[in-house]
Amino acid sequence: MRVDLALESSPGAPAQARRALVALDRCIPYDRLADVQTIVTELVTNGVKYGPGELIDVHVWLDDGDAVEGWVGDHGAGSVEARADTDPGAGQGGLGLRIIDRIADAWGTREGSSDVWFRLAL
């Protein structure tokens, strides 16, 4: 089972991605589906906020039944890093990748792009 999407870079894109992932509910336990939805929602949100405004690609699939893998690409070329500081006065934003870092078993970027991949064990 897999979900493949090409979303307009708009404020509604994160919710569209989240709804589309419900199709995986027959293959993934509910708590892990919620984790996948959180990861993808955060990545699509980043694509909308920081990407170049092009389509946002979302690809999520089951890997041999023991993990969920995926990637989200906004066609950007910038670097992607989780914000390290925890200073509440540092401004808004930058926490989505820290959330992903806590939920995903592994994540990273595709070299030379702002595309982010992830892996989540079932």
PDB file of N, CA and C in Angstrom:
ATOM      1  N   MET A   1       0.851  -1.186   0.000  1.00  0.00           N
ATOM      2  CA  MET A   1       0.000   0.000   0.000  1.00  0.00           C
ATOM      3  C   MET A   1       0.884   1.232   0.000  1.00  0.00           C
ATOM      4  N   ARG A   2       0.470   2.228  -0.776  1.00  0.00           N
ATOM      5  CA  ARG A   2       1.224   3.480  -0.789  1.00  0.00           C
ATOM      6  C   ARG A   2       0.298   4.645  -1.091  1.00  0.00           C
ATOM      7  N   VAL A   3       0.744   5.825  -0.682  1.00  0.00           N
ATOM      8  CA  VAL A   3       0.033   7.067  -0.959  1.00  0.00           C
ATOM      9  C   VAL A   3       1.012   7.978  -1.681  1.00  0.00           C
ATOM     10  N   ASP A   4       0.614   8.487  -2.841  1.00  0.00           N
ATOM     11  CA  ASP A   4       1.415   9.421  -3.623  1.00  0.00           C
ATOM     12  C   ASP A   4       0.558  10.638  -3.922  1.00  0.00           C
ATOM     13  N   LEU A   5       1.067  11.803  -3.585  1.00  0.00           N
ATOM     14  CA  LEU A   5       0.316  13.043  -3.772  1.00  0.00           C
ATOM     15  C   LEU A   5       1.199  14.120  -4.390  1.00  0.00           C
ATOM     16  N   ALA A   6       0.585  15.016  -5.126  1.00  0.00           N
ATOM     17  CA  ALA A   6       1.222  16.246  -5.592  1.00  0.00           C
ATOM     18  C   ALA A   6       0.268  17.358  -5.170  1.00  0.00           C
ATOM     19  N   LEU A   7       0.683  18.126  -4.168  1.00  0.00           N
ATOM     20  CA  LEU A   7      -0.193  19.125  -3.556  1.00  0.00           C
ATOM     21  C   LEU A   7       0.229  20.539  -3.938  1.00  0.00           C
ATOM     22  N   GLU A   8      -0.767  21.388  -4.179  1.00  0.00           N
ATOM     23  CA  GLU A   8      -0.478  22.805  -4.360  1.00  0.00           C
ATOM     24  C   GLU A   8       0.118  23.335  -3.060  1.00  0.00           C
ATOM     25  N   SER A   9       1.084  24.213  -3.168  1.00  0.00           N
ATOM     26  CA  SER A   9       1.691  24.820  -1.986  1.00  0.00           C
ATOM     27  C   SER A   9       0.731  25.893  -1.465  1.00  0.00           C
ATOM     28  N   SER A  10      -0.166  25.469  -0.587  1.00  0.00           N
ATOM     29  CA  SER A  10      -1.188  26.367  -0.053  1.00  0.00           C
ATOM     30  C   SER A  10      -1.449  26.011   1.407  1.00  0.00           C
ATOM     31  N   PRO A  11      -2.085  26.904   2.146  1.00  0.00           N
ATOM     32  CA  PRO A  11      -2.349  26.621   3.555  1.00  0.00           C
ATOM     33  C   PRO A  11      -3.151  25.344   3.800  1.00  0.00           C
ATOM     34  N   GLY A  12      -3.940  24.890   2.835  1.00  0.00           N
ATOM     35  CA  GLY A  12      -4.739  23.687   3.004  1.00  0.00           C
ATOM     36  C   GLY A  12      -3.985  22.392   2.718  1.00  0.00           C
ATOM     37  N   ALA A  13      -2.777  22.477   2.202  1.00  0.00           N
ATOM     38  CA  ALA A  13      -2.021  21.288   1.809  1.00  0.00           C
ATOM     39  C   ALA A  13      -1.742  20.327   2.967  1.00  0.00           C
ATOM     40  N   PRO A  14      -1.347  20.801   4.150  1.00  0.00           N
ATOM     41  CA  PRO A  14      -1.104  19.852   5.249  1.00  0.00           C
ATOM     42  C   PRO A  14      -2.347  19.023   5.596  1.00  0.00           C
ATOM     43  N   ALA A  15      -3.511  19.649   5.629  1.00  0.00           N
ATOM     44  CA  ALA A  15      -4.747  18.918   5.944  1.00  0.00           C
ATOM     45  C   ALA A  15      -5.091  17.934   4.827  1.00  0.00           C
ATOM     46  N   GLN A  16      -4.847  18.298   3.574  1.00  0.00           N
ATOM     47  CA  GLN A  16      -5.095  17.381   2.458  1.00  0.00           C
ATOM     48  C   GLN A  16      -4.223  16.130   2.596  1.00  0.00           C
ATOM     49  N   ALA A  17      -2.963  16.333   2.922  1.00  0.00           N
ATOM     50  CA  ALA A  17      -2.051  15.202   3.081  1.00  0.00           C
ATOM     51  C   ALA A  17      -2.507  14.312   4.228  1.00  0.00           C
ATOM     52  N   ARG A  18      -2.868  14.923   5.331  1.00  0.00           N
ATOM     53  CA  ARG A  18      -3.313  14.173   6.510  1.00  0.00           C
ATOM     54  C   ARG A  18      -4.527  13.302   6.177  1.00  0.00           C
ATOM     55  N   ARG A  19      -5.508  13.882   5.460  1.00  0.00           N
ATOM     56  CA  ARG A  19      -6.703  13.129   5.084  1.00  0.00           C
ATOM     57  C   ARG A  19      -6.374  11.979   4.133  1.00  0.00           C
ATOM     58  N   ALA A  20      -5.477  12.205   3.195  1.00  0.00           N
ATOM     59  CA  ALA A  20      -5.130  11.167   2.226  1.00  0.00           C
ATOM     60  C   ALA A  20      -4.457   9.978   2.895  1.00  0.00           C
ATOM     61  N   LEU A  21      -3.721  10.209   3.966  1.00  0.00           N
ATOM     62  CA  LEU A  21      -3.013   9.126   4.660  1.00  0.00           C
ATOM     63  C   LEU A  21      -3.948   8.174   5.391  1.00  0.00           C
ATOM     64  N   VAL A  22      -5.196   8.569   5.591  1.00  0.00           N
ATOM     65  CA  VAL A  22      -6.178   7.682   6.225  1.00  0.00           C
ATOM     66  C   VAL A  22      -6.324   6.396   5.420  1.00  0.00           C
ATOM     67  N   ALA A  23      -6.007   6.427   4.141  1.00  0.00           N
ATOM     68  CA  ALA A  23      -6.080   5.227   3.297  1.00  0.00           C
ATOM     69  C   ALA A  23      -5.167   4.116   3.806  1.00  0.00           C
ATOM     70  N   LEU A  24      -4.189   4.452   4.616  1.00  0.00           N
ATOM     71  CA  LEU A  24      -3.257   3.458   5.159  1.00  0.00           C
ATOM     72  C   LEU A  24      -3.785   2.776   6.416  1.00  0.00           C
ATOM     73  N   ASP A  25      -4.979   3.151   6.868  1.00  0.00           N
ATOM     74  CA  ASP A  25      -5.478   2.650   8.157  1.00  0.00           C
ATOM     75  C   ASP A  25      -5.718   1.140   8.184  1.00  0.00           C
ATOM     76  N   ARG A  26      -5.849   0.506   7.030  1.00  0.00           N
ATOM     77  CA  ARG A  26      -6.020  -0.948   6.998  1.00  0.00           C
ATOM     78  C   ARG A  26      -4.691  -1.684   7.184  1.00  0.00           C
ATOM     79  N   CYS A  27      -3.591  -0.973   7.025  1.00  0.00           N
ATOM     80  CA  CYS A  27      -2.267  -1.606   7.046  1.00  0.00           C
ATOM     81  C   CYS A  27      -1.394  -1.193   8.229  1.00  0.00           C
ATOM     82  N   ILE A  28      -1.768  -0.112   8.890  1.00  0.00           N
ATOM     83  CA  ILE A  28      -0.928   0.465   9.941  1.00  0.00           C
ATOM     84  C   ILE A  28      -1.755   0.609  11.210  1.00  0.00           C
ATOM     85  N   PRO A  29      -1.212   0.210  12.363  1.00  0.00           N
ATOM     86  CA  PRO A  29      -1.937   0.433  13.615  1.00  0.00           C
ATOM     87  C   PRO A  29      -2.263   1.915  13.810  1.00  0.00           C
ATOM     88  N   TYR A  30      -3.384   2.184  14.454  1.00  0.00           N
ATOM     89  CA  TYR A  30      -3.885   3.554  14.601  1.00  0.00           C
ATOM     90  C   TYR A  30      -2.843   4.507  15.187  1.00  0.00           C
ATOM     91  N   ASP A  31      -2.136   4.089  16.248  1.00  0.00           N
ATOM     92  CA  ASP A  31      -1.182   5.001  16.872  1.00  0.00           C
ATOM     93  C   ASP A  31      -0.028   5.335  15.932  1.00  0.00           C
ATOM     94  N   ARG A  32       0.400   4.371  15.119  1.00  0.00           N
ATOM     95  CA  ARG A  32       1.481   4.629  14.175  1.00  0.00           C
ATOM     96  C   ARG A  32       0.979   5.462  12.998  1.00  0.00           C
ATOM     97  N   LEU A  33      -0.281   5.260  12.594  1.00  0.00           N
ATOM     98  CA  LEU A  33      -0.848   6.095  11.543  1.00  0.00           C
ATOM     99  C   LEU A  33      -0.872   7.550  12.002  1.00  0.00           C
ATOM    100  N   ALA A  34      -1.234   7.782  13.237  1.00  0.00           N
ATOM    101  CA  ALA A  34      -1.232   9.145  13.777  1.00  0.00           C
ATOM    102  C   ALA A  34       0.175   9.739  13.743  1.00  0.00           C
ATOM    103  N   ASP A  35       1.183   8.921  14.031  1.00  0.00           N
ATOM    104  CA  ASP A  35       2.570   9.391  13.965  1.00  0.00           C
ATOM    105  C   ASP A  35       2.957   9.748  12.528  1.00  0.00           C
ATOM    106  N   VAL A  36       2.578   8.904  11.576  1.00  0.00           N
ATOM    107  CA  VAL A  36       2.874   9.179  10.164  1.00  0.00           C
ATOM    108  C   VAL A  36       2.174  10.468   9.738  1.00  0.00           C
ATOM    109  N   GLN A  37       0.935  10.633  10.139  1.00  0.00           N
ATOM    110  CA  GLN A  37       0.208  11.850   9.795  1.00  0.00           C
ATOM    111  C   GLN A  37       0.891  13.085  10.386  1.00  0.00           C
ATOM    112  N   THR A  38       1.379  12.973  11.606  1.00  0.00           N
ATOM    113  CA  THR A  38       2.071  14.106  12.234  1.00  0.00           C
ATOM    114  C   THR A  38       3.337  14.447  11.466  1.00  0.00           C
ATOM    115  N   ILE A  39       4.130  13.437  11.144  1.00  0.00           N
ATOM    116  CA  ILE A  39       5.378  13.665  10.401  1.00  0.00           C
ATOM    117  C   ILE A  39       5.085  14.341   9.066  1.00  0.00           C
ATOM    118  N   VAL A  40       4.158  13.775   8.301  1.00  0.00           N
ATOM    119  CA  VAL A  40       3.866  14.319   6.976  1.00  0.00           C
ATOM    120  C   VAL A  40       3.268  15.718   7.085  1.00  0.00           C
ATOM    121  N   THR A  41       2.400  15.935   8.050  1.00  0.00           N
ATOM    122  CA  THR A  41       1.814  17.261   8.236  1.00  0.00           C
ATOM    123  C   THR A  41       2.897  18.302   8.509  1.00  0.00           C
ATOM    124  N   GLU A  42       3.841  17.972   9.373  1.00  0.00           N
ATOM    125  CA  GLU A  42       4.930  18.910   9.687  1.00  0.00           C
ATOM    126  C   GLU A  42       5.781  19.191   8.445  1.00  0.00           C
ATOM    127  N   LEU A  43       6.092  18.141   7.664  1.00  0.00           N
ATOM    128  CA  LEU A  43       6.930  18.330   6.479  1.00  0.00           C
ATOM    129  C   LEU A  43       6.216  19.131   5.392  1.00  0.00           C
ATOM    130  N   VAL A  44       4.928  18.867   5.192  1.00  0.00           N
ATOM    131  CA  VAL A  44       4.177  19.632   4.199  1.00  0.00           C
ATOM    132  C   VAL A  44       4.051  21.085   4.662  1.00  0.00           C
ATOM    133  N   THR A  45       3.819  21.284   5.939  1.00  0.00           N
ATOM    134  CA  THR A  45       3.751  22.652   6.478  1.00  0.00           C
ATOM    135  C   THR A  45       5.052  23.396   6.200  1.00  0.00           C
ATOM    136  N   ASN A  46       6.185  22.724   6.428  1.00  0.00           N
ATOM    137  CA  ASN A  46       7.477  23.355   6.138  1.00  0.00           C
ATOM    138  C   ASN A  46       7.605  23.683   4.652  1.00  0.00           C
ATOM    139  N   GLY A  47       7.126  22.769   3.801  1.00  0.00           N
ATOM    140  CA  GLY A  47       7.173  23.024   2.364  1.00  0.00           C
ATOM    141  C   GLY A  47       6.362  24.248   1.960  1.00  0.00           C
ATOM    142  N   VAL A  48       5.205  24.394   2.575  1.00  0.00           N
ATOM    143  CA  VAL A  48       4.352  25.555   2.292  1.00  0.00           C
ATOM    144  C   VAL A  48       5.030  26.826   2.801  1.00  0.00           C
ATOM    145  N   LYS A  49       5.558  26.795   4.020  1.00  0.00           N
ATOM    146  CA  LYS A  49       6.126  27.994   4.649  1.00  0.00           C
ATOM    147  C   LYS A  49       7.465  28.411   4.052  1.00  0.00           C
ATOM    148  N   TYR A  50       8.323  27.434   3.751  1.00  0.00           N
ATOM    149  CA  TYR A  50       9.703  27.759   3.392  1.00  0.00           C
ATOM    150  C   TYR A  50      10.088  27.367   1.972  1.00  0.00           C
ATOM    151  N   GLY A  51       9.246  26.599   1.280  1.00  0.00           N
ATOM    152  CA  GLY A  51       9.568  26.140  -0.068  1.00  0.00           C
ATOM    153  C   GLY A  51       9.389  27.226  -1.115  1.00  0.00           C
ATOM    154  N   PRO A  52       9.752  26.898  -2.354  1.00  0.00           N
ATOM    155  CA  PRO A  52       9.688  27.884  -3.436  1.00  0.00           C
ATOM    156  C   PRO A  52       8.291  28.094  -4.026  1.00  0.00           C
ATOM    157  N   GLY A  53       7.274  27.441  -3.463  1.00  0.00           N
ATOM    158  CA  GLY A  53       5.904  27.637  -3.938  1.00  0.00           C
ATOM    159  C   GLY A  53       5.478  26.682  -5.032  1.00  0.00           C
ATOM    160  N   GLU A  54       6.318  25.702  -5.350  1.00  0.00           N
ATOM    161  CA  GLU A  54       5.976  24.706  -6.358  1.00  0.00           C
ATOM    162  C   GLU A  54       5.149  23.592  -5.715  1.00  0.00           C
ATOM    163  N   LEU A  55       4.732  22.612  -6.525  1.00  0.00           N
ATOM    164  CA  LEU A  55       4.000  21.471  -5.985  1.00  0.00           C
ATOM    165  C   LEU A  55       4.816  20.790  -4.897  1.00  0.00           C
ATOM    166  N   ILE A  56       4.117  20.262  -3.912  1.00  0.00           N
ATOM    167  CA  ILE A  56       4.755  19.508  -2.839  1.00  0.00           C
ATOM    168  C   ILE A  56       4.427  18.046  -3.056  1.00  0.00           C
ATOM    169  N   ASP A  57       5.465  17.241  -3.225  1.00  0.00           N
ATOM    170  CA  ASP A  57       5.304  15.807  -3.451  1.00  0.00           C
ATOM    171  C   ASP A  57       5.314  15.075  -2.122  1.00  0.00           C
ATOM    172  N   VAL A  58       4.374  14.153  -1.959  1.00  0.00           N
ATOM    173  CA  VAL A  58       4.287  13.324  -0.764  1.00  0.00           C
ATOM    174  C   VAL A  58       4.226  11.870  -1.208  1.00  0.00           C
ATOM    175  N   HIS A  59       5.121  11.050  -0.682  1.00  0.00           N
ATOM    176  CA  HIS A  59       5.152   9.619  -1.003  1.00  0.00           C
ATOM    177  C   HIS A  59       5.325   8.849   0.301  1.00  0.00           C
ATOM    178  N   VAL A  60       4.391   7.968   0.598  1.00  0.00           N
ATOM    179  CA  VAL A  60       4.430   7.171   1.823  1.00  0.00           C
ATOM    180  C   VAL A  60       4.067   5.739   1.458  1.00  0.00           C
ATOM    181  N   TRP A  61       4.834   4.767   1.971  1.00  0.00           N
ATOM    182  CA  TRP A  61       4.582   3.365   1.643  1.00  0.00           C
ATOM    183  C   TRP A  61       4.994   2.455   2.789  1.00  0.00           C
ATOM    184  N   LEU A  62       4.451   1.250   2.750  1.00  0.00           N
ATOM    185  CA  LEU A  62       4.825   0.203   3.689  1.00  0.00           C
ATOM    186  C   LEU A  62       6.045  -0.519   3.144  1.00  0.00           C
ATOM    187  N   ASP A  63       7.041  -0.710   3.981  1.00  0.00           N
ATOM    188  CA  ASP A  63       8.263  -1.392   3.580  1.00  0.00           C
ATOM    189  C   ASP A  63       8.275  -2.785   4.188  1.00  0.00           C
ATOM    190  N   ASP A  64       7.956  -3.788   3.401  1.00  0.00           N
ATOM    191  CA  ASP A  64       7.948  -5.187   3.842  1.00  0.00           C
ATOM    192  C   ASP A  64       7.096  -5.433   5.081  1.00  0.00           C
ATOM    193  N   GLY A  65       6.132  -4.554   5.326  1.00  0.00           N
ATOM    194  CA  GLY A  65       5.209  -4.755   6.426  1.00  0.00           C
ATOM    195  C   GLY A  65       5.734  -4.465   7.811  1.00  0.00           C
ATOM    196  N   ASP A  66       7.023  -4.090   7.937  1.00  0.00           N
ATOM    197  CA  ASP A  66       7.559  -3.837   9.274  1.00  0.00           C
ATOM    198  C   ASP A  66       7.906  -2.372   9.516  1.00  0.00           C
ATOM    199  N   ALA A  67       7.711  -1.532   8.505  1.00  0.00           N
ATOM    200  CA  ALA A  67       8.001  -0.106   8.657  1.00  0.00           C
ATOM    201  C   ALA A  67       7.208   0.692   7.633  1.00  0.00           C
ATOM    202  N   VAL A  68       7.059   1.957   7.945  1.00  0.00           N
ATOM    203  CA  VAL A  68       6.490   2.915   7.003  1.00  0.00           C
ATOM    204  C   VAL A  68       7.632   3.845   6.614  1.00  0.00           C
ATOM    205  N   GLU A  69       7.767   4.062   5.321  1.00  0.00           N
ATOM    206  CA  GLU A  69       8.779   4.985   4.831  1.00  0.00           C
ATOM    207  C   GLU A  69       8.106   6.032   3.970  1.00  0.00           C
ATOM    208  N   GLY A  70       8.777   7.144   3.802  1.00  0.00           N
ATOM    209  CA  GLY A  70       8.231   8.169   2.937  1.00  0.00           C
ATOM    210  C   GLY A  70       9.185   9.313   2.746  1.00  0.00           C
ATOM    211  N   TRP A  71       8.782  10.208   1.883  1.00  0.00           N
ATOM    212  CA  TRP A  71       9.508  11.456   1.713  1.00  0.00           C
ATOM    213  C   TRP A  71       8.563  12.532   1.238  1.00  0.00           C
ATOM    214  N   VAL A  72       8.916  13.762   1.576  1.00  0.00           N
ATOM    215  CA  VAL A  72       8.144  14.929   1.184  1.00  0.00           C
ATOM    216  C   VAL A  72       9.124  15.894   0.535  1.00  0.00           C
ATOM    217  N   GLY A  73       8.794  16.345  -0.658  1.00  0.00           N
ATOM    218  CA  GLY A  73       9.668  17.255  -1.385  1.00  0.00           C
ATOM    219  C   GLY A  73       8.943  18.495  -1.847  1.00  0.00           C
ATOM    220  N   ASP A  74       9.587  19.647  -1.631  1.00  0.00           N
ATOM    221  CA  ASP A  74       8.994  20.910  -2.060  1.00  0.00           C
ATOM    222  C   ASP A  74       9.769  21.543  -3.219  1.00  0.00           C
ATOM    223  N   HIS A  75      10.751  20.815  -3.766  1.00  0.00           N
ATOM    224  CA  HIS A  75      11.568  21.264  -4.891  1.00  0.00           C
ATOM    225  C   HIS A  75      12.467  22.428  -4.520  1.00  0.00           C
ATOM    226  N   GLY A  76      12.767  22.561  -3.215  1.00  0.00           N
ATOM    227  CA  GLY A  76      13.675  23.599  -2.766  1.00  0.00           C
ATOM    228  C   GLY A  76      15.111  23.098  -2.754  1.00  0.00           C
ATOM    229  N   ALA A  77      16.036  24.028  -2.630  1.00  0.00           N
ATOM    230  CA  ALA A  77      17.449  23.678  -2.652  1.00  0.00           C
ATOM    231  C   ALA A  77      18.150  24.038  -1.351  1.00  0.00           C
ATOM    232  N   GLY A  78      17.429  24.544  -0.375  1.00  0.00           N
ATOM    233  CA  GLY A  78      18.044  24.977   0.872  1.00  0.00           C
ATOM    234  C   GLY A  78      18.354  23.829   1.798  1.00  0.00           C
ATOM    235  N   SER A  79      19.018  24.155   2.889  1.00  0.00           N
ATOM    236  CA  SER A  79      19.320  23.131   3.888  1.00  0.00           C
ATOM    237  C   SER A  79      18.147  22.989   4.850  1.00  0.00           C
ATOM    238  N   VAL A  80      18.076  21.832   5.473  1.00  0.00           N
ATOM    239  CA  VAL A  80      17.001  21.538   6.415  1.00  0.00           C
ATOM    240  C   VAL A  80      17.646  21.064   7.705  1.00  0.00           C
ATOM    241  N   GLU A  81      17.371  21.766   8.791  1.00  0.00           N
ATOM    242  CA  GLU A  81      17.931  21.392  10.087  1.00  0.00           C
ATOM    243  C   GLU A  81      16.901  21.652  11.180  1.00  0.00           C
ATOM    244  N   ALA A  82      16.902  20.779  12.172  1.00  0.00           N
ATOM    245  CA  ALA A  82      16.044  21.002  13.333  1.00  0.00           C
ATOM    246  C   ALA A  82      16.627  22.142  14.150  1.00  0.00           C
ATOM    247  N   ARG A  83      15.766  22.986  14.668  1.00  0.00           N
ATOM    248  CA  ARG A  83      16.225  24.090  15.500  1.00  0.00           C
ATOM    249  C   ARG A  83      16.749  23.536  16.811  1.00  0.00           C
ATOM    250  N   ALA A  84      17.938  23.925  17.180  1.00  0.00           N
ATOM    251  CA  ALA A  84      18.581  23.381  18.378  1.00  0.00           C
ATOM    252  C   ALA A  84      18.202  24.140  19.640  1.00  0.00           C
ATOM    253  N   ASP A  85      17.930  25.427  19.516  1.00  0.00           N
ATOM    254  CA  ASP A  85      17.689  26.201  20.734  1.00  0.00           C
ATOM    255  C   ASP A  85      16.297  25.954  21.294  1.00  0.00           C
ATOM    256  N   THR A  86      16.154  26.146  22.552  1.00  0.00           N
ATOM    257  CA  THR A  86      14.859  25.987  23.209  1.00  0.00           C
ATOM    258  C   THR A  86      14.415  27.293  23.840  1.00  0.00           C
ATOM    259  N   ASP A  87      15.002  28.385  23.409  1.00  0.00           N
ATOM    260  CA  ASP A  87      14.674  29.708  23.930  1.00  0.00           C
ATOM    261  C   ASP A  87      13.290  30.120  23.442  1.00  0.00           C
ATOM    262  N   PRO A  88      12.333  30.274  24.369  1.00  0.00           N
ATOM    263  CA  PRO A  88      10.983  30.644  23.949  1.00  0.00           C
ATOM    264  C   PRO A  88      10.926  32.007  23.268  1.00  0.00           C
ATOM    265  N   GLY A  89      11.932  32.841  23.468  1.00  0.00           N
ATOM    266  CA  GLY A  89      11.959  34.155  22.840  1.00  0.00           C
ATOM    267  C   GLY A  89      12.624  34.155  21.476  1.00  0.00           C
ATOM    268  N   ALA A  90      13.000  32.984  20.982  1.00  0.00           N
ATOM    269  CA  ALA A  90      13.740  32.902  19.718  1.00  0.00           C
ATOM    270  C   ALA A  90      12.844  33.092  18.497  1.00  0.00           C
ATOM    271  N   GLY A  91      11.568  33.256  18.694  1.00  0.00           N
ATOM    272  CA  GLY A  91      10.673  33.443  17.560  1.00  0.00           C
ATOM    273  C   GLY A  91       9.860  32.194  17.299  1.00  0.00           C
ATOM    274  N   GLN A  92       8.930  32.314  16.385  1.00  0.00           N
ATOM    275  CA  GLN A  92       8.065  31.189  16.069  1.00  0.00           C
ATOM    276  C   GLN A  92       8.698  30.318  14.997  1.00  0.00           C
ATOM    277  N   GLY A  93       8.267  29.081  14.948  1.00  0.00           N
ATOM    278  CA  GLY A  93       8.722  28.175  13.906  1.00  0.00           C
ATOM    279  C   GLY A  93       9.966  27.410  14.290  1.00  0.00           C
ATOM    280  N   GLY A  94      10.312  26.453  13.432  1.00  0.00           N
ATOM    281  CA  GLY A  94      11.527  25.694  13.634  1.00  0.00           C
ATOM    282  C   GLY A  94      11.392  24.487  14.536  1.00  0.00           C
ATOM    283  N   LEU A  95      10.206  24.223  15.030  1.00  0.00           N
ATOM    284  CA  LEU A  95      10.039  23.099  15.954  1.00  0.00           C
ATOM    285  C   LEU A  95       9.550  21.827  15.265  1.00  0.00           C
ATOM    286  N   GLY A  96       9.038  21.928  14.055  1.00  0.00           N
ATOM    287  CA  GLY A  96       8.490  20.765  13.365  1.00  0.00           C
ATOM    288  C   GLY A  96       9.500  19.647  13.201  1.00  0.00           C
ATOM    289  N   LEU A  97      10.730  19.978  12.834  1.00  0.00           N
ATOM    290  CA  LEU A  97      11.743  18.941  12.653  1.00  0.00           C
ATOM    291  C   LEU A  97      12.155  18.320  13.979  1.00  0.00           C
ATOM    292  N   ARG A  98      12.055  19.063  15.054  1.00  0.00           N
ATOM    293  CA  ARG A  98      12.330  18.471  16.374  1.00  0.00           C
ATOM    294  C   ARG A  98      11.246  17.459  16.719  1.00  0.00           C
ATOM    295  N   ILE A  99      10.008  17.731  16.349  1.00  0.00           N
ATOM    296  CA  ILE A  99       8.919  16.777  16.555  1.00  0.00           C
ATOM    297  C   ILE A  99       9.187  15.516  15.732  1.00  0.00           C
ATOM    298  N   ILE A 100       9.556  15.692  14.480  1.00  0.00           N
ATOM    299  CA  ILE A 100       9.866  14.554  13.614  1.00  0.00           C
ATOM    300  C   ILE A 100      11.016  13.745  14.185  1.00  0.00           C
ATOM    301  N   ASP A 101      12.014  14.425  14.700  1.00  0.00           N
ATOM    302  CA  ASP A 101      13.175  13.746  15.276  1.00  0.00           C
ATOM    303  C   ASP A 101      12.777  12.848  16.447  1.00  0.00           C
ATOM    304  N   ARG A 102      11.775  13.247  17.186  1.00  0.00           N
ATOM    305  CA  ARG A 102      11.317  12.436  18.332  1.00  0.00           C
ATOM    306  C   ARG A 102      10.428  11.274  17.922  1.00  0.00           C
ATOM    307  N   ILE A 103       9.689  11.429  16.838  1.00  0.00           N
ATOM    308  CA  ILE A 103       8.736  10.393  16.417  1.00  0.00           C
ATOM    309  C   ILE A 103       9.373   9.363  15.495  1.00  0.00           C
ATOM    310  N   ALA A 104      10.098   9.826  14.487  1.00  0.00           N
ATOM    311  CA  ALA A 104      10.642   8.928  13.462  1.00  0.00           C
ATOM    312  C   ALA A 104      11.824   8.134  14.006  1.00  0.00           C
ATOM    313  N   ASP A 105      11.990   6.925  13.493  1.00  0.00           N
ATOM    314  CA  ASP A 105      13.167   6.137  13.845  1.00  0.00           C
ATOM    315  C   ASP A 105      14.396   6.661  13.118  1.00  0.00           C
ATOM    316  N   ALA A 106      14.192   7.215  11.942  1.00  0.00           N
ATOM    317  CA  ALA A 106      15.278   7.820  11.176  1.00  0.00           C
ATOM    318  C   ALA A 106      14.669   8.851  10.234  1.00  0.00           C
ATOM    319  N   TRP A 107      15.438   9.892   9.925  1.00  0.00           N
ATOM    320  CA  TRP A 107      15.014  10.872   8.940  1.00  0.00           C
ATOM    321  C   TRP A 107      16.251  11.610   8.456  1.00  0.00           C
ATOM    322  N   GLY A 108      16.125  12.214   7.323  1.00  0.00           N
ATOM    323  CA  GLY A 108      17.235  12.980   6.767  1.00  0.00           C
ATOM    324  C   GLY A 108      16.785  13.691   5.514  1.00  0.00           C
ATOM    325  N   THR A 109      17.742  14.280   4.827  1.00  0.00           N
ATOM    326  CA  THR A 109      17.431  15.011   3.605  1.00  0.00           C
ATOM    327  C   THR A 109      18.121  14.363   2.412  1.00  0.00           C
ATOM    328  N   ARG A 110      17.526  14.578   1.269  1.00  0.00           N
ATOM    329  CA  ARG A 110      18.165  14.151   0.030  1.00  0.00           C
ATOM    330  C   ARG A 110      19.213  15.197  -0.316  1.00  0.00           C
ATOM    331  N   GLU A 111      20.390  14.744  -0.622  1.00  0.00           N
ATOM    332  CA  GLU A 111      21.515  15.647  -0.867  1.00  0.00           C
ATOM    333  C   GLU A 111      21.176  16.698  -1.915  1.00  0.00           C
ATOM    334  N   GLY A 112      21.508  17.953  -1.588  1.00  0.00           N
ATOM    335  CA  GLY A 112      21.298  19.054  -2.518  1.00  0.00           C
ATOM    336  C   GLY A 112      19.874  19.546  -2.615  1.00  0.00           C
ATOM    337  N   SER A 113      19.020  19.106  -1.703  1.00  0.00           N
ATOM    338  CA  SER A 113      17.628  19.544  -1.770  1.00  0.00           C
ATOM    339  C   SER A 113      17.073  19.719  -0.362  1.00  0.00           C
ATOM    340  N   SER A 114      15.849  20.201  -0.308  1.00  0.00           N
ATOM    341  CA  SER A 114      15.159  20.293   0.978  1.00  0.00           C
ATOM    342  C   SER A 114      14.142  19.158   1.127  1.00  0.00           C
ATOM    343  N   ASP A 115      14.243  18.123   0.276  1.00  0.00           N
ATOM    344  CA  ASP A 115      13.388  16.940   0.390  1.00  0.00           C
ATOM    345  C   ASP A 115      13.770  16.169   1.651  1.00  0.00           C
ATOM    346  N   VAL A 116      12.784  15.778   2.434  1.00  0.00           N
ATOM    347  CA  VAL A 116      13.034  15.057   3.684  1.00  0.00           C
ATOM    348  C   VAL A 116      12.418  13.664   3.592  1.00  0.00           C
ATOM    349  N   TRP A 117      13.227  12.645   3.939  1.00  0.00           N
ATOM    350  CA  TRP A 117      12.751  11.264   3.992  1.00  0.00           C
ATOM    351  C   TRP A 117      12.611  10.864   5.456  1.00  0.00           C
ATOM    352  N   PHE A 118      11.804   9.826   5.705  1.00  0.00           N
ATOM    353  CA  PHE A 118      11.645   9.329   7.070  1.00  0.00           C
ATOM    354  C   PHE A 118      11.356   7.835   7.055  1.00  0.00           C
ATOM    355  N   ARG A 119      11.600   7.227   8.201  1.00  0.00           N
ATOM    356  CA  ARG A 119      11.306   5.805   8.412  1.00  0.00           C
ATOM    357  C   ARG A 119      10.739   5.661   9.823  1.00  0.00           C
ATOM    358  N   LEU A 120       9.665   4.886   9.928  1.00  0.00           N
ATOM    359  CA  LEU A 120       8.982   4.683  11.188  1.00  0.00           C
ATOM    360  C   LEU A 120       8.654   3.201  11.318  1.00  0.00           C
ATOM    361  N   ALA A 121       9.252   2.530  12.296  1.00  0.00           N
ATOM    362  CA  ALA A 121       8.993   1.096  12.490  1.00  0.00           C
ATOM    363  C   ALA A 121       7.575   0.885  12.990  1.00  0.00           C
ATOM    364  N   LEU A 122       6.985  -0.206  12.555  1.00  0.00           N
ATOM    365  CA  LEU A 122       5.663  -0.571  13.039  1.00  0.00           C
ATOM    366  C   LEU A 122       5.797  -1.442  14.251  1.00  0.00           C
TER     367      LEU A 122
END
